[in-house]
Protein backbone atom coordinates (compact mmCIF):
# COMPACT_ATOMS: atom_id res chain seq x y z
CA MET A 1 26.98 -44.90 -74.87
CA THR A 2 23.17 -44.52 -75.34
CA SER A 3 20.87 -47.29 -74.13
CA ILE A 4 18.81 -46.97 -77.34
CA THR A 5 20.80 -48.26 -80.26
CA GLN A 6 18.28 -47.95 -82.98
CA THR A 7 14.99 -46.37 -83.71
CA ILE A 8 12.60 -47.70 -86.37
CA THR A 9 9.89 -45.69 -87.85
CA PRO A 10 6.97 -47.53 -88.93
CA THR A 11 5.49 -48.04 -92.48
CA THR A 12 1.84 -46.86 -92.23
CA HIS A 13 -0.89 -48.67 -94.31
CA ASP A 14 -4.22 -46.86 -94.58
CA LEU A 15 -6.96 -49.65 -94.87
CA GLY A 16 -9.71 -46.96 -94.99
CA GLU A 17 -11.42 -47.63 -91.69
CA PHE A 18 -8.18 -48.01 -89.76
CA GLN A 19 -4.44 -47.79 -90.06
CA VAL A 20 -1.77 -50.33 -89.57
CA ARG A 21 1.77 -49.43 -88.61
CA ARG A 22 4.50 -51.96 -89.34
CA VAL A 23 7.94 -51.72 -87.83
CA LEU A 24 9.32 -55.18 -88.48
CA PRO A 25 10.61 -56.37 -90.76
CA SER A 26 12.24 -53.07 -92.02
CA ARG A 27 15.17 -52.33 -94.35
CA HIS A 28 17.06 -51.23 -91.21
CA ARG A 29 16.34 -54.35 -89.07
CA ARG A 30 14.85 -57.87 -89.71
CA MET A 31 14.28 -59.09 -86.11
CA VAL A 32 14.20 -58.37 -82.58
CA GLY A 33 14.62 -61.67 -80.63
CA PRO A 34 12.27 -64.00 -82.36
CA PHE A 35 9.90 -61.03 -83.54
CA ILE A 36 10.09 -60.86 -87.14
CA PHE A 37 6.75 -59.04 -87.78
CA VAL A 38 5.30 -56.30 -85.68
CA ASP A 39 2.12 -54.45 -86.60
CA GLU A 40 0.23 -51.92 -84.38
CA PHE A 41 -3.30 -51.13 -85.58
CA GLY A 42 -5.76 -48.42 -84.49
CA PRO A 43 -7.07 -46.93 -82.35
CA ALA A 44 -10.05 -46.70 -84.56
CA SER A 45 -13.86 -46.87 -84.54
CA LEU A 46 -15.04 -49.20 -87.45
CA PRO A 47 -18.54 -48.13 -88.76
CA GLU A 48 -21.55 -50.30 -88.95
CA GLY A 49 -20.98 -53.12 -91.32
CA PRO A 50 -18.79 -56.18 -91.58
CA GLY A 51 -15.78 -54.36 -89.97
CA MET A 52 -12.60 -56.38 -90.06
CA ALA A 53 -12.89 -59.01 -92.70
CA VAL A 54 -9.49 -60.81 -93.27
CA ARG A 55 -10.33 -63.76 -95.47
CA PRO A 56 -8.64 -67.16 -95.04
CA HIS A 57 -4.82 -67.01 -95.76
CA PRO A 58 -1.83 -69.27 -95.11
CA HIS A 59 1.28 -69.33 -92.81
CA ILE A 60 4.29 -71.40 -92.37
CA ASN A 61 7.34 -71.76 -90.15
CA LEU A 62 6.07 -69.11 -87.59
CA ALA A 63 3.72 -68.43 -84.87
CA THR A 64 1.30 -65.45 -84.75
CA VAL A 65 0.47 -63.52 -81.59
CA THR A 66 -2.62 -61.33 -81.51
CA TYR A 67 -3.15 -59.01 -78.54
CA LEU A 68 -5.93 -56.39 -78.30
CA PHE A 69 -6.39 -53.24 -76.20
CA GLU A 70 -9.78 -52.67 -77.53
CA GLY A 71 -12.27 -54.43 -79.75
CA ALA A 72 -12.99 -58.15 -80.58
CA ILE A 73 -11.89 -60.36 -83.36
CA ASP A 74 -13.21 -63.87 -84.31
CA HIS A 75 -10.35 -66.22 -85.10
CA ARG A 76 -10.97 -69.42 -87.20
CA ASP A 77 -8.34 -71.63 -88.35
CA SER A 78 -7.96 -74.96 -90.49
CA LEU A 79 -7.49 -76.90 -87.14
CA GLY A 80 -11.18 -76.23 -86.49
CA THR A 81 -10.46 -73.53 -83.88
CA PHE A 82 -13.05 -70.86 -83.22
CA GLN A 83 -12.01 -68.25 -80.79
CA THR A 84 -13.20 -64.58 -80.06
CA ILE A 85 -10.23 -62.63 -79.25
CA ARG A 86 -10.76 -60.17 -76.29
CA PRO A 87 -8.64 -57.36 -74.91
CA GLY A 88 -6.04 -58.42 -72.44
CA ALA A 89 -5.87 -62.08 -73.63
CA VAL A 90 -3.37 -63.62 -75.86
CA ASN A 91 -3.96 -65.67 -79.07
CA LEU A 92 -0.91 -67.80 -80.15
CA MET A 93 -1.37 -69.59 -83.31
CA THR A 94 1.77 -71.92 -84.40
CA ALA A 95 1.72 -72.31 -88.00
CA GLY A 96 4.64 -74.82 -88.11
CA ARG A 97 4.34 -76.96 -91.40
CA GLY A 98 1.30 -74.93 -92.47
CA ILE A 99 -2.03 -73.48 -91.29
CA VAL A 100 -4.82 -71.35 -92.71
CA HIS A 101 -6.83 -68.85 -90.67
CA SER A 102 -9.26 -65.87 -91.07
CA GLU A 103 -9.90 -62.91 -88.77
CA ARG A 104 -13.19 -61.06 -88.80
CA SER A 105 -15.16 -58.78 -86.54
CA PRO A 106 -18.03 -60.78 -84.63
CA LEU A 107 -21.34 -61.09 -86.37
CA GLU A 108 -23.23 -59.94 -83.45
CA ILE A 109 -21.73 -56.51 -83.43
CA LYS A 110 -22.05 -56.12 -87.32
CA ASP A 111 -24.81 -53.41 -86.98
CA VAL A 112 -22.85 -51.16 -84.45
CA LYS A 113 -19.71 -49.13 -84.35
CA LYS A 114 -16.69 -51.29 -83.32
CA PRO A 115 -13.52 -50.14 -81.68
CA MET A 116 -10.29 -51.63 -82.98
CA PHE A 117 -6.84 -51.09 -81.34
CA GLY A 118 -4.27 -53.76 -80.73
CA MET A 119 -1.01 -55.48 -81.78
CA GLN A 120 -0.40 -58.28 -84.16
CA THR A 121 3.20 -59.99 -84.31
CA TRP A 122 4.96 -62.83 -85.70
CA LEU A 123 7.52 -65.02 -84.09
CA ALA A 124 9.96 -66.96 -86.20
CA LEU A 125 10.27 -70.50 -85.07
CA PRO A 126 13.76 -71.61 -84.12
CA ASP A 127 15.96 -74.01 -85.99
CA GLY A 128 14.62 -77.70 -85.81
CA GLN A 129 11.21 -76.48 -84.90
CA GLU A 130 9.86 -74.77 -88.06
CA GLU A 131 8.06 -77.73 -89.26
CA ILE A 132 6.22 -78.61 -85.98
CA GLU A 133 2.79 -79.55 -85.89
CA PRO A 134 0.34 -76.56 -86.15
CA ALA A 135 -1.26 -75.41 -82.95
CA PHE A 136 -3.56 -72.97 -81.34
CA GLU A 137 -3.82 -71.56 -77.79
CA ASN A 138 -5.78 -68.75 -76.09
CA VAL A 139 -4.63 -67.49 -72.65
CA GLY A 140 -7.15 -65.41 -71.02
CA ALA A 141 -6.51 -62.01 -69.49
CA GLY A 142 -7.11 -63.51 -65.90
CA ASP A 143 -4.38 -66.18 -66.47
CA LEU A 144 -1.58 -63.64 -67.56
CA PRO A 145 0.49 -62.39 -64.52
CA ILE A 146 0.03 -58.64 -63.63
CA ILE A 147 2.80 -56.58 -61.99
CA GLU A 148 1.41 -53.42 -60.05
CA ASP A 149 3.89 -51.14 -58.47
CA GLY A 150 3.80 -47.34 -57.85
CA GLY A 151 1.27 -46.55 -60.56
CA VAL A 152 2.39 -49.13 -63.13
CA LYS A 153 0.38 -52.04 -64.32
CA ALA A 154 2.29 -54.39 -66.51
CA ARG A 155 0.73 -57.64 -67.93
CA VAL A 156 3.35 -60.27 -68.93
CA ILE A 157 1.91 -61.81 -72.23
CA MET A 158 4.95 -64.14 -72.87
CA GLY A 159 8.00 -65.19 -71.11
CA SER A 160 9.41 -64.16 -67.70
CA LEU A 161 9.56 -60.50 -66.49
CA TRP A 162 9.88 -58.85 -63.28
CA GLY A 163 9.97 -62.15 -61.45
CA GLN A 164 6.68 -63.40 -63.02
CA ALA A 165 6.14 -65.98 -65.83
CA ALA A 166 3.35 -66.17 -68.36
CA PRO A 167 1.92 -69.55 -69.15
CA THR A 168 1.91 -68.72 -72.80
CA THR A 169 3.92 -71.37 -74.90
CA CYS A 170 7.32 -69.99 -76.07
CA HIS A 171 9.06 -71.96 -78.84
CA ALA A 172 12.15 -69.69 -78.46
CA GLU A 173 13.12 -67.70 -75.42
CA THR A 174 10.70 -64.68 -75.78
CA ILE A 175 9.55 -61.54 -73.66
CA TYR A 176 6.48 -59.62 -74.35
CA ALA A 177 4.50 -57.30 -72.06
CA ASP A 178 1.91 -54.70 -72.04
CA ILE A 179 2.76 -51.85 -69.69
CA LEU A 180 0.42 -49.22 -68.55
CA LEU A 181 2.03 -46.10 -66.75
CA SER A 182 0.05 -43.64 -64.81
CA ALA A 183 1.28 -40.06 -64.44
CA GLY A 184 4.65 -39.91 -62.68
CA SER A 185 5.22 -43.65 -62.77
CA ALA A 186 8.15 -45.73 -63.91
CA ILE A 187 9.27 -49.40 -64.17
CA PRO A 188 12.75 -50.81 -64.78
CA ILE A 189 13.22 -52.62 -68.21
CA ASP A 190 14.74 -56.25 -67.42
CA ALA A 191 18.07 -56.61 -69.00
CA GLU A 192 18.24 -60.44 -69.31
CA ALA A 193 16.98 -60.90 -72.92
CA ASP A 194 19.40 -60.96 -75.65
CA GLU A 195 17.47 -58.37 -77.61
CA ARG A 196 14.76 -55.98 -76.50
CA ALA A 197 12.60 -53.17 -77.81
CA VAL A 198 10.00 -50.72 -76.78
CA MET A 199 7.00 -49.21 -78.60
CA LEU A 200 4.88 -46.47 -77.03
CA VAL A 201 1.32 -47.09 -78.29
CA ASP A 202 -0.61 -44.54 -76.41
CA GLY A 203 0.01 -41.28 -74.29
CA GLU A 204 3.48 -40.12 -73.23
CA GLY A 205 6.56 -42.02 -72.17
CA ALA A 206 10.30 -42.02 -71.99
CA LEU A 207 13.32 -44.36 -71.70
CA ASP A 208 15.84 -42.96 -69.18
CA GLY A 209 14.38 -39.64 -69.85
CA VAL A 210 14.60 -39.85 -73.69
CA PRO A 211 11.07 -38.87 -74.98
CA LEU A 212 9.39 -41.55 -77.12
CA ASP A 213 7.45 -40.97 -80.15
CA LYS A 214 4.33 -43.12 -80.47
CA TYR A 215 4.53 -46.14 -82.76
CA GLN A 216 8.25 -46.10 -83.29
CA LEU A 217 10.26 -49.01 -82.22
CA TYR A 218 13.15 -48.26 -79.84
CA VAL A 219 15.71 -51.02 -79.70
CA ILE A 220 17.68 -51.28 -76.45
CA ALA A 221 21.37 -52.02 -76.09
CA PRO A 222 22.09 -55.59 -74.95
CA GLY A 223 22.59 -55.68 -71.26
CA ALA A 224 21.57 -52.00 -70.65
CA SER A 225 19.60 -51.20 -67.41
CA LEU A 226 17.20 -48.46 -67.90
CA SER A 227 13.79 -47.19 -66.84
CA LEU A 228 10.52 -46.66 -68.72
CA GLY A 229 8.52 -43.86 -67.28
CA SER A 230 5.74 -41.37 -68.04
CA ARG A 231 5.08 -37.76 -66.84
CA SER A 232 1.44 -37.69 -67.70
CA GLY A 233 0.44 -41.42 -68.44
CA GLY A 234 1.07 -43.85 -71.26
CA ARG A 235 0.96 -47.26 -72.66
CA ALA A 236 4.01 -49.16 -74.06
CA MET A 237 4.85 -52.60 -75.35
CA LEU A 238 8.14 -54.45 -74.36
CA LEU A 239 9.14 -57.26 -76.67
CA GLY A 240 12.26 -59.31 -77.57
CA GLY A 241 14.06 -62.48 -76.56
CA GLU A 242 16.96 -64.66 -77.86
CA ALA A 243 18.86 -63.60 -80.85
CA PHE A 244 18.56 -65.99 -83.83
CA ALA A 245 21.98 -67.17 -85.29
CA SER A 246 20.47 -68.34 -88.60
CA GLU A 247 18.72 -66.18 -91.10
CA ARG A 248 15.12 -66.13 -91.82
CA HIS A 249 13.46 -65.09 -95.08
CA VAL A 250 9.98 -63.36 -95.42
CA TRP A 251 7.71 -63.48 -98.43
CA TRP A 252 3.94 -62.46 -98.04
CA ASN A 253 2.64 -64.61 -95.27
CA PHE A 254 5.50 -67.06 -95.08
CA VAL A 255 8.61 -67.11 -92.91
CA SER A 256 11.43 -69.74 -93.21
CA SER A 257 15.11 -70.31 -92.92
CA SER A 258 14.75 -71.95 -96.42
CA LYS A 259 13.96 -70.10 -99.57
CA ASP A 260 12.96 -73.34 -101.08
CA ARG A 261 10.35 -74.00 -98.39
CA ILE A 262 8.93 -70.67 -99.24
CA GLU A 263 8.73 -71.64 -102.85
CA GLN A 264 7.02 -74.75 -101.89
CA ALA A 265 4.38 -72.95 -99.86
CA LYS A 266 3.81 -70.52 -102.61
CA ALA A 267 2.95 -73.38 -104.94
CA ASP A 268 1.00 -75.30 -102.30
CA TRP A 269 -1.49 -72.28 -101.89
CA PHE A 270 -1.79 -71.56 -105.56
CA GLU A 271 -2.61 -75.17 -106.18
CA GLY A 272 -5.05 -75.30 -103.21
CA ARG A 273 -3.04 -77.99 -101.30
CA PHE A 274 -3.52 -76.16 -97.86
CA PRO A 275 -6.44 -77.20 -95.71
CA VAL A 276 -9.61 -75.22 -95.58
CA VAL A 277 -11.00 -73.21 -92.59
CA PRO A 278 -14.15 -74.94 -91.21
CA GLY A 279 -16.82 -72.34 -90.82
CA ASP A 280 -15.20 -69.99 -93.28
CA PRO A 281 -14.68 -72.22 -96.53
CA ASP A 282 -15.85 -69.97 -99.28
CA GLU A 283 -13.31 -67.22 -99.53
CA PHE A 284 -9.57 -66.92 -99.63
CA ILE A 285 -6.92 -64.43 -100.17
CA PRO A 286 -5.16 -65.32 -103.41
CA LEU A 287 -1.34 -65.51 -103.83
CA PRO A 288 -0.33 -61.85 -104.62
CA GLU A 289 0.04 -60.90 -108.06
CA GLY A 290 2.72 -58.43 -108.94
CA LYS A 291 4.95 -59.63 -105.86
CA PRO A 292 8.52 -60.10 -106.71
CA LYS A 293 9.58 -63.58 -107.80
CA THR A 294 12.39 -63.73 -105.39
CA ILE A 295 12.31 -63.94 -101.72
CA THR A 296 13.13 -60.98 -99.45
CA ASP A 297 16.67 -61.44 -97.97
């Protein structure tokens, strides 16, 4: 029996200045552990000008995790947070009962070319915690544990891996790691999480000798012990955690176990009942037109 049970090919969205590749949710699989949304973006060089300009938009019943390999993003939210996201740090924004945020390239680099390469994921909040108070935390690169062994440098972003635990808040059991592999190196993939998956984001890599294609998500069999390695050097993300027993629904930026709650969030955004983002109050992304009236199951 193979240790790789599923391979998910991303849907690619060309935004002009860079590409975004989405592997979750897909019609083949909704979640891996608490991860219900997984985007990889770049690598790209944004031209002179405003760069990334994601206007204020809402979320409910989830937590967003932003992690950069290259570049910088200014995060603002309706809690009054302002944080410049830097490579190697983790930004965790817990939407809970509702939050609004924007993501823009820093103004100080508007007139130069800007690298952009990273990951944005959403974590579904577990039963009983979907409506918790909104929160934000930034954990700097220097505060995340790094495992270095035999040409491997792995940063633990969330959860416990290889005997090290990240200080990042986990609402459900979560694992998330950034793994840099030098030529000829390998690292065992911990088998303790209910669900696990690997994405190669740069270079070359293999799971137990099975070559990986970049940007595809490889779901690993529960309990399987295997090794991630590279002949010539590469970079991969490991993600997963506890399996959710209850279903989650997704519509636009909203995730919830309740379809009625998503309908309420849609009405709240349309009617302007979400809070504004201090420092970015003048723009917003409207509720999508032409979207299906019903929620994705």
